Structure formats: structure tokens, C-alpha cells
Amino acid sequence: MIEFIIDNLDDDKRFKYTIKELCATLNISKPTAIDTINLLTQKRVIKKIKNGLY
């Protein structure tokens, strides 16, 4: 997922995907997407600005 996030940053280095979009695009379950986003946030790899924007 980290590679996907890096590849999909906008010009302002922001990642704009909802959990639902991540699940559909990466073919992963909702719990997997949530757990991964939460882990990346806790490890300060990404910062949540608001739902769907990191």
C-alpha cells in the first residue's frame, strides 16, 4: 500500500482516497485498509488531514 500511496500523491504531496476507494482499487478488505492506514498514521508515515485526505 505504501507504494500505491506514493504513486498516487497529488501535486501538493497529498493522498486523496477513501477507504472504500482503496478497497475497490487494491482489492482488499475494509478491515485491512483501515488497519494499514491506522498503522501508517501511528508510525507517522502519513498524516490524516480529514477522511479521504492524507
C-alpha atoms as a PDB file:
ATOM      1  CA  MET A   1       0.000   0.000   0.000  1.00  0.00           C
ATOM      2  CA  ILE A   2       2.896   2.392   0.640  1.00  0.00           C
ATOM      3  CA  GLU A   3       3.987   2.151  -2.987  1.00  0.00           C
ATOM      4  CA  PHE A   4       0.393   2.786  -4.111  1.00  0.00           C
ATOM      5  CA  ILE A   5       0.189   5.861  -1.867  1.00  0.00           C
ATOM      6  CA  ILE A   6       3.466   7.253  -3.194  1.00  0.00           C
ATOM      7  CA  ASP A   7       2.410   6.637  -6.789  1.00  0.00           C
ATOM      8  CA  ASN A   8      -0.895   8.459  -6.229  1.00  0.00           C
ATOM      9  CA  LEU A   9       0.182  11.649  -4.476  1.00  0.00           C
ATOM     10  CA  ASP A  10      -1.142  14.862  -5.975  1.00  0.00           C
ATOM     11  CA  ASP A  11       0.972  17.924  -6.757  1.00  0.00           C
ATOM     12  CA  ASP A  12       0.725  19.020  -3.114  1.00  0.00           C
ATOM     13  CA  LYS A  13       2.010  15.595  -1.926  1.00  0.00           C
ATOM     14  CA  ARG A  14      -1.440  14.660  -0.650  1.00  0.00           C
ATOM     15  CA  PHE A  15      -3.101  11.293  -0.997  1.00  0.00           C
ATOM     16  CA  LYS A  16      -6.828  11.505  -1.747  1.00  0.00           C
ATOM     17  CA  TYR A  17      -8.554   8.137  -1.439  1.00  0.00           C
ATOM     18  CA  THR A  18     -11.380   6.990   0.782  1.00  0.00           C
ATOM     19  CA  ILE A  19     -11.279   3.597   2.462  1.00  0.00           C
ATOM     20  CA  LYS A  20     -13.957   2.416   0.032  1.00  0.00           C
ATOM     21  CA  GLU A  21     -11.877   3.558  -2.960  1.00  0.00           C
ATOM     22  CA  LEU A  22      -8.761   1.863  -1.566  1.00  0.00           C
ATOM     23  CA  CYS A  23     -10.645  -1.399  -1.100  1.00  0.00           C
ATOM     24  CA  ALA A  24     -12.017  -1.342  -4.636  1.00  0.00           C
ATOM     25  CA  THR A  25      -8.759  -0.266  -6.278  1.00  0.00           C
ATOM     26  CA  LEU A  26      -6.438  -2.606  -4.375  1.00  0.00           C
ATOM     27  CA  ASN A  27      -8.957  -5.438  -3.993  1.00  0.00           C
ATOM     28  CA  ILE A  28      -8.502  -5.568  -0.220  1.00  0.00           C
ATOM     29  CA  SER A  29     -10.959  -5.841   2.639  1.00  0.00           C
ATOM     30  CA  LYS A  30     -12.179  -2.833   4.590  1.00  0.00           C
ATOM     31  CA  PRO A  31     -10.520  -4.021   7.849  1.00  0.00           C
ATOM     32  CA  THR A  32      -7.197  -4.432   6.032  1.00  0.00           C
ATOM     33  CA  ALA A  33      -7.400  -0.935   4.567  1.00  0.00           C
ATOM     34  CA  ILE A  34      -8.363   0.618   7.906  1.00  0.00           C
ATOM     35  CA  ASP A  35      -5.678  -1.257   9.840  1.00  0.00           C
ATOM     36  CA  THR A  36      -2.999  -0.292   7.319  1.00  0.00           C
ATOM     37  CA  ILE A  37      -3.983   3.392   7.241  1.00  0.00           C
ATOM     38  CA  ASN A  38      -4.084   3.448  11.052  1.00  0.00           C
ATOM     39  CA  LEU A  39      -0.648   1.809  11.281  1.00  0.00           C
ATOM     40  CA  LEU A  40       0.866   4.253   8.780  1.00  0.00           C
ATOM     41  CA  THR A  41      -0.668   7.131  10.734  1.00  0.00           C
ATOM     42  CA  GLN A  42       0.626   5.826  14.073  1.00  0.00           C
ATOM     43  CA  LYS A  43       4.125   5.379  12.620  1.00  0.00           C
ATOM     44  CA  ARG A  44       3.927   8.923  11.211  1.00  0.00           C
ATOM     45  CA  VAL A  45       4.412   7.758   7.638  1.00  0.00           C
ATOM     46  CA  ILE A  46       1.248   9.637   6.717  1.00  0.00           C
ATOM     47  CA  LYS A  47      -0.849  12.252   8.486  1.00  0.00           C
ATOM     48  CA  LYS A  48      -4.640  12.259   8.311  1.00  0.00           C
ATOM     49  CA  ILE A  49      -5.962  15.672   7.349  1.00  0.00           C
ATOM     50  CA  LYS A  50      -9.587  14.548   7.076  1.00  0.00           C
ATOM     51  CA  ASN A  51     -11.447  11.462   5.884  1.00  0.00           C
ATOM     52  CA  GLY A  52     -10.060  10.520   2.488  1.00  0.00           C
ATOM     53  CA  LEU A  53      -7.189  13.015   2.600  1.00  0.00           C
ATOM     54  CA  TYR A  54      -3.736  12.197   3.944  1.00  0.00           C
END
